[in-house]
Amino acid sequence: MPAFSGKFYYTLDPKGRVIIPAPFREIISSNYNPKLYVVNDIFDNCLHIYPQEEWSKLEEKVRTLPKMDEDVKLFIRKVIGSAQEVDIDKQGRILVSAAQREDAGLNSEIVIVGQLDKIDLWDRKEWDAVNDLSKIDKRATAEKLAAYGL
């Protein structure tokens, strides 16, 4: 199965529509049902965009978890509860709801990033702040990734 990879800079239009990059649209049209799900991240100020099949896998996994566990309850409230089904229009755009734009702090400049089985949607300033290498312990990160074989 092809994976979503790459980073794209776009702008969010005044109605909340965003273009899905052409390489991602190609992966979706060739490998997935065209329905997408836009959801909040549990901790980061960003949104995830899942093809329907990947979203269904995540839902099934969540169904097997103990519903009384406080962490599972948080995940269901924050992620599952925020899910919005969207379609790609003829111009290759999706509509991100006002609530989701507010939750993720999305302004006009955005970053769309492939994340293997899903797509992330970030406000450009938030993306830059989260990925500021001056705030990361590079040595510890390199050691941990090496331990994973990366």
Protein backbone atom coordinates (compact mmCIF):
# COMPACT_ATOMS: atom_id res chain seq x y z
CA MET A 1 0.00 0.00 0.00
CA PRO A 2 1.49 3.38 -0.96
CA ALA A 3 2.17 5.74 1.92
CA PHE A 4 1.47 9.43 2.30
CA SER A 5 4.79 11.29 2.44
CA GLY A 6 5.92 14.80 1.71
CA LYS A 7 5.26 18.31 2.99
CA PHE A 8 3.23 21.01 1.26
CA TYR A 9 2.56 24.65 2.11
CA TYR A 10 -0.88 26.03 1.30
CA THR A 11 -3.38 28.59 2.43
CA LEU A 12 -6.76 27.94 3.95
CA ASP A 13 -9.43 29.87 2.08
CA PRO A 14 -11.94 32.08 3.96
CA LYS A 15 -14.57 29.31 3.84
CA GLY A 16 -12.20 26.79 5.46
CA ARG A 17 -11.37 24.83 2.34
CA VAL A 18 -7.92 23.38 1.80
CA ILE A 19 -6.41 21.72 -1.25
CA ILE A 20 -5.33 18.12 -0.80
CA PRO A 21 -1.95 17.89 -2.59
CA ALA A 22 -2.09 16.12 -5.97
CA PRO A 23 0.24 13.25 -4.89
CA PHE A 24 -2.07 12.54 -1.93
CA ARG A 25 -5.19 12.72 -4.13
CA GLU A 26 -3.57 10.19 -6.46
CA ILE A 27 -2.92 7.78 -3.57
CA ILE A 28 -6.50 8.21 -2.36
CA SER A 29 -8.10 7.72 -5.78
CA SER A 30 -5.93 4.69 -6.62
CA ASN A 31 -6.10 2.90 -3.27
CA TYR A 32 -9.01 4.12 -1.17
CA ASN A 33 -12.66 5.02 -1.10
CA PRO A 34 -12.85 8.82 -1.69
CA LYS A 35 -14.43 9.46 1.74
CA LEU A 36 -12.04 11.09 4.22
CA TYR A 37 -12.30 11.72 7.96
CA VAL A 38 -10.87 14.84 9.58
CA VAL A 39 -10.18 14.53 13.32
CA ASN A 40 -8.40 16.38 16.10
CA ASP A 41 -5.07 15.13 17.40
CA ILE A 42 -5.31 14.09 21.03
CA PHE A 43 -2.48 16.41 22.21
CA ASP A 44 -1.01 18.47 19.35
CA ASN A 45 -2.73 21.46 17.78
CA CYS A 46 -3.23 19.81 14.41
CA LEU A 47 -5.74 17.75 12.50
CA HIS A 48 -5.42 14.28 10.98
CA ILE A 49 -7.04 13.33 7.70
CA TYR A 50 -7.71 9.61 7.31
CA PRO A 51 -8.92 7.70 4.26
CA GLN A 52 -12.11 5.86 5.21
CA GLU A 53 -10.39 2.46 5.32
CA GLU A 54 -7.64 3.66 7.69
CA TRP A 55 -10.22 5.42 9.87
CA SER A 56 -12.26 2.20 10.07
CA LYS A 57 -9.17 0.29 11.25
CA LEU A 58 -8.62 2.85 14.02
CA GLU A 59 -12.29 2.75 15.06
CA GLU A 60 -12.19 -1.06 15.27
CA LYS A 61 -9.08 -0.91 17.42
CA VAL A 62 -10.74 1.60 19.76
CA ARG A 63 -13.85 -0.60 20.05
CA THR A 64 -11.70 -3.32 21.66
CA LEU A 65 -10.32 -1.03 24.38
CA PRO A 66 -11.75 -0.77 27.91
CA LYS A 67 -14.29 2.08 27.79
CA MET A 68 -13.87 2.88 31.50
CA ASP A 69 -10.14 3.58 31.15
CA GLU A 70 -9.64 7.34 31.57
CA ASP A 71 -7.05 7.55 28.76
CA VAL A 72 -9.35 5.70 26.37
CA LYS A 73 -12.21 7.99 27.37
CA LEU A 74 -10.03 11.01 26.60
CA PHE A 75 -9.09 9.56 23.21
CA ILE A 76 -12.73 8.88 22.35
CA ARG A 77 -13.84 12.35 23.45
CA LYS A 78 -11.02 14.24 21.75
CA VAL A 79 -10.37 12.20 18.59
CA ILE A 80 -13.40 10.04 17.81
CA GLY A 81 -15.79 12.76 18.97
CA SER A 82 -14.23 15.30 16.61
CA ALA A 83 -14.48 13.18 13.45
CA GLN A 84 -16.05 14.81 10.41
CA GLU A 85 -16.63 12.91 7.18
CA VAL A 86 -15.60 14.99 4.15
CA ASP A 87 -15.41 14.62 0.39
CA ILE A 88 -12.81 15.96 -2.00
CA ASP A 89 -14.50 18.43 -4.36
CA LYS A 90 -13.78 18.81 -8.08
CA GLN A 91 -11.01 21.34 -7.33
CA GLY A 92 -9.26 18.82 -5.02
CA ARG A 93 -10.31 20.56 -1.79
CA ILE A 94 -11.91 19.50 1.46
CA LEU A 95 -13.91 21.66 3.83
CA VAL A 96 -12.53 21.83 7.37
CA SER A 97 -15.25 22.75 9.86
CA ALA A 98 -15.02 25.97 11.85
CA ALA A 99 -14.83 23.97 15.10
CA GLN A 100 -11.90 21.91 13.84
CA ARG A 101 -10.09 25.00 12.55
CA GLU A 102 -10.52 26.59 15.97
CA ASP A 103 -9.45 23.46 17.87
CA ALA A 104 -6.27 23.14 15.77
CA GLY A 105 -5.53 26.88 15.76
CA LEU A 106 -5.52 26.96 11.96
CA ASN A 107 -5.05 30.35 10.36
CA SER A 108 -4.49 31.06 6.69
CA GLU A 109 -0.98 29.60 6.28
CA ILE A 110 -0.99 25.83 6.71
CA VAL A 111 1.27 22.83 6.27
CA ILE A 112 0.03 19.49 4.95
CA VAL A 113 2.29 16.57 5.84
CA GLY A 114 2.13 12.92 4.84
CA GLN A 115 2.24 10.53 7.81
CA LEU A 116 2.22 7.10 6.13
CA ASP A 117 -1.43 6.06 6.70
CA LYS A 118 -2.85 9.54 7.28
CA ILE A 119 -2.28 13.20 6.45
CA ASP A 120 -1.59 15.92 9.03
CA LEU A 121 -2.85 19.47 8.74
CA TRP A 122 -0.98 22.12 10.79
CA ASP A 123 -0.99 25.85 11.18
CA ARG A 124 2.35 26.98 9.72
CA LYS A 125 3.51 28.76 12.90
CA GLU A 126 2.59 25.79 15.09
CA TRP A 127 4.38 23.40 12.71
CA ASP A 128 7.52 25.53 12.81
CA ALA A 129 7.42 25.74 16.62
CA VAL A 130 6.90 21.99 17.12
CA ASN A 131 9.73 21.18 14.71
CA ASP A 132 12.22 23.72 16.08
CA LEU A 133 15.38 21.59 16.31
CA SER A 134 16.95 24.01 18.80
CA LYS A 135 14.39 22.76 21.36
CA ILE A 136 15.03 19.06 20.79
CA ASP A 137 17.65 16.92 22.51
CA LYS A 138 19.20 15.70 19.25
CA ARG A 139 21.56 13.21 20.87
CA ALA A 140 18.83 11.49 22.91
CA THR A 141 16.51 11.42 19.91
CA ALA A 142 19.23 9.98 17.66
CA GLU A 143 20.00 7.25 20.23
CA LYS A 144 16.34 6.30 20.61
CA LEU A 145 15.80 6.17 16.85
CA ALA A 146 18.95 4.10 16.43
CA ALA A 147 17.60 1.66 19.01
CA TYR A 148 14.51 1.31 16.77
CA GLY A 149 16.79 0.63 13.81
CA LEU A 150 16.20 4.01 12.14
